Amino acid sequence: MNLNEETLQLCGVPLFRRIDASKLKLLAFTSERLEYAPGDIICHQGEEGDGAFVILTGRAEVLVAAGPDGALTPVSELAPNSIVGEMATLCDRPRSATVRALTRVEALRIPRDSLQTLLNSNPTAMIEVIRVLADRLAATTEELGRLRNACAGA
C-alpha cells in the first residue's frame, strides 16, 4: 500500500471524512505502517496512549480486563477504517482496552503529535472527535443500564 492508497483509506475513516485530502496525505506520511499476525497485540490496556491506530485491512477485537482475575473480555470488533486508541492519545490517559488482531491486520499508527496537530488546525475534525466520543459514551451508558437491569432481575 502506497501513500496515496493510505490517504484514500484515511478518507474512509469517519473521524477524517471532512478533512482535506492534502492534510490526510501529510498525516499518512507521518504515520507508521504496521502489520500484525492473528493473535498479535496491537496495544495493551494500561499502557501510555502515544498514538492511535487506523485499521487498514483485517479485523481486530477490543478486550478489557474484567473480574478479579483480570481475564480479558471481548467488548467489540474492529473492521477496516476503524480508529482505536485515539481517546488515550488525545486525553493523555492510559489505554482503556487491549486490542488484538483476529486476522492479519495492516494498520497505520498515527503519532500523538501528528493527530493533535491535525485536530488543532481543523475544527471540523475536532467536532467529529466529539461525536465519536459521545456515541461511545452513549453506547457504554446504554450497556451499563442493560447490565444493571439484568442484575436487578436475577
Protein backbone atom coordinates (compact mmCIF):
# COMPACT_ATOMS: atom_id res chain seq x y z
CA MET A 1 0.00 0.00 0.00
CA ASN A 2 1.50 3.34 -1.01
CA LEU A 3 1.00 6.84 0.39
CA ASN A 4 -1.90 7.65 -1.96
CA GLU A 5 -3.71 4.43 -1.03
CA GLU A 6 -3.19 5.12 2.67
CA THR A 7 -4.59 8.63 2.15
CA LEU A 8 -7.68 7.17 0.47
CA GLN A 9 -8.11 4.78 3.41
CA LEU A 10 -7.95 7.69 5.85
CA CYS A 11 -10.71 9.41 3.87
CA GLY A 12 -12.92 6.43 4.75
CA VAL A 13 -12.41 6.84 8.50
CA PRO A 14 -15.46 8.67 9.89
CA LEU A 15 -13.23 10.86 12.06
CA PHE A 16 -11.39 12.14 8.97
CA ARG A 17 -14.15 12.27 6.31
CA ARG A 18 -14.38 16.05 6.26
CA ILE A 19 -10.63 16.68 6.24
CA ASP A 20 -8.87 17.93 3.11
CA ALA A 21 -7.04 15.11 1.30
CA SER A 22 -3.75 17.05 1.33
CA LYS A 23 -3.84 17.16 5.13
CA LEU A 24 -4.63 13.46 5.29
CA LYS A 25 -1.72 12.75 2.97
CA LEU A 26 0.57 14.54 5.42
CA LEU A 27 -0.97 12.52 8.25
CA ALA A 28 -0.34 9.28 6.35
CA PHE A 29 3.23 10.38 5.63
CA THR A 30 3.94 10.98 9.33
CA SER A 31 2.32 7.69 10.34
CA GLU A 32 3.94 4.28 10.64
CA ARG A 33 2.53 1.34 8.72
CA LEU A 34 2.47 -1.83 10.84
CA GLU A 35 1.46 -5.44 10.25
CA TYR A 36 0.10 -7.90 12.80
CA ALA A 37 -0.49 -11.65 12.63
CA PRO A 38 -3.64 -13.21 14.11
CA GLY A 39 -3.34 -13.12 17.90
CA ASP A 40 -0.79 -10.29 17.97
CA ILE A 41 -1.47 -7.48 20.44
CA ILE A 42 -1.77 -4.07 18.78
CA CYS A 43 -1.89 -2.18 22.08
CA HIS A 44 -2.25 -3.09 25.75
CA GLN A 45 -4.75 -1.81 28.32
CA GLY A 46 -2.97 0.45 30.81
CA GLU A 47 -0.06 1.48 28.58
CA GLU A 48 0.62 5.08 27.56
CA GLY A 49 -1.52 6.31 24.69
CA ASP A 50 1.23 7.69 22.48
CA GLY A 51 -0.57 7.08 19.20
CA ALA A 52 -3.81 5.99 17.59
CA PHE A 53 -4.26 3.13 15.14
CA VAL A 54 -6.31 3.04 11.94
CA ILE A 55 -7.17 -0.48 10.79
CA LEU A 56 -6.42 -0.59 7.05
CA THR A 57 -7.09 -4.29 6.43
CA GLY A 58 -8.21 -7.20 8.58
CA ARG A 59 -10.17 -7.41 11.80
CA ALA A 60 -9.23 -6.90 15.44
CA GLU A 61 -11.02 -7.21 18.75
CA VAL A 62 -11.17 -4.82 21.68
CA LEU A 63 -10.72 -6.53 25.06
CA VAL A 64 -10.99 -5.21 28.61
CA ALA A 65 -9.67 -6.77 31.80
CA ALA A 66 -12.66 -7.84 33.88
CA GLY A 67 -13.29 -9.75 37.06
CA PRO A 68 -10.98 -10.43 39.97
CA ASP A 69 -8.57 -12.47 37.83
CA GLY A 70 -8.23 -9.72 35.20
CA ALA A 71 -9.30 -12.03 32.37
CA LEU A 72 -9.63 -10.26 29.04
CA THR A 73 -13.23 -9.98 27.84
CA PRO A 74 -14.10 -9.03 24.23
CA VAL A 75 -16.27 -5.91 24.03
CA SER A 76 -16.20 -5.04 20.33
CA GLU A 77 -14.70 -5.84 16.98
CA LEU A 78 -12.83 -3.51 14.63
CA ALA A 79 -13.09 -3.59 10.84
CA PRO A 80 -11.15 -1.70 8.18
CA ASN A 81 -11.43 2.11 8.54
CA SER A 82 -11.83 1.83 12.31
CA ILE A 83 -9.72 4.02 14.55
CA VAL A 84 -8.70 2.91 18.01
CA GLY A 85 -6.53 4.42 20.71
CA GLU A 86 -7.47 8.00 19.95
CA MET A 87 -9.04 8.57 23.39
CA ALA A 88 -5.86 7.70 25.29
CA THR A 89 -3.81 9.61 22.73
CA LEU A 90 -5.86 12.80 22.96
CA CYS A 91 -6.57 12.71 26.69
CA ASP A 92 -3.08 11.73 27.90
CA ARG A 93 -4.56 8.75 29.75
CA PRO A 94 -3.57 5.10 29.85
CA ARG A 95 -5.23 2.92 27.23
CA SER A 96 -8.64 1.70 28.39
CA ALA A 97 -8.51 -1.57 26.47
CA THR A 98 -6.29 -4.12 24.78
CA VAL A 99 -6.60 -4.59 21.02
CA ARG A 100 -5.74 -7.96 19.47
CA ALA A 101 -5.62 -8.93 15.79
CA LEU A 102 -8.20 -11.54 14.83
CA THR A 103 -6.88 -11.86 11.28
CA ARG A 104 -3.81 -10.48 9.56
CA VAL A 105 -4.06 -6.72 10.19
CA GLU A 106 -2.41 -3.80 8.47
CA ALA A 107 -2.66 -0.59 10.48
CA LEU A 108 -1.39 2.95 10.47
CA ARG A 109 -0.02 4.15 13.80
CA ILE A 110 -0.66 7.89 14.00
CA PRO A 111 1.68 9.57 16.49
CA ARG A 112 0.14 11.79 19.17
CA ASP A 113 1.77 14.97 17.82
CA SER A 114 0.52 14.37 14.27
CA LEU A 115 -3.04 13.69 15.42
CA GLN A 116 -3.11 16.70 17.73
CA THR A 117 -1.71 18.98 15.03
CA LEU A 118 -4.37 17.81 12.57
CA LEU A 119 -7.19 18.31 15.07
CA ASN A 120 -5.91 21.68 16.32
CA SER A 121 -5.92 23.04 12.78
CA ASN A 122 -9.29 21.55 11.80
CA PRO A 123 -12.32 22.46 13.91
CA THR A 124 -14.46 20.13 11.79
CA ALA A 125 -12.25 17.19 12.75
CA MET A 126 -12.47 18.16 16.41
CA ILE A 127 -16.28 18.13 16.17
CA GLU A 128 -16.08 14.64 14.67
CA VAL A 129 -13.93 13.51 17.61
CA ILE A 130 -16.55 14.86 19.99
CA ARG A 131 -19.28 12.99 18.07
CA VAL A 132 -17.35 9.71 18.11
CA LEU A 133 -16.63 10.02 21.83
CA ALA A 134 -20.24 11.00 22.58
CA ASP A 135 -21.51 7.97 20.62
CA ARG A 136 -19.18 5.68 22.56
CA LEU A 137 -20.27 7.20 25.86
CA ALA A 138 -23.94 6.76 24.94
CA ALA A 139 -23.38 3.12 23.95
CA THR A 140 -21.50 2.45 27.20
CA THR A 141 -24.23 4.10 29.25
CA GLU A 142 -26.90 2.02 27.49
CA GLU A 143 -24.93 -1.18 28.10
CA LEU A 144 -24.47 -0.32 31.78
CA GLY A 145 -28.22 0.24 32.05
CA ARG A 146 -28.93 -3.15 30.45
CA LEU A 147 -26.46 -4.85 32.80
CA ARG A 148 -27.96 -3.14 35.82
CA ASN A 149 -31.48 -4.22 34.81
CA ALA A 150 -30.27 -7.76 34.16
CA CYS A 151 -28.61 -7.94 37.59
CA ALA A 152 -31.69 -6.49 39.31
CA GLY A 153 -33.90 -9.10 37.65
CA ALA A 154 -31.62 -12.00 38.53
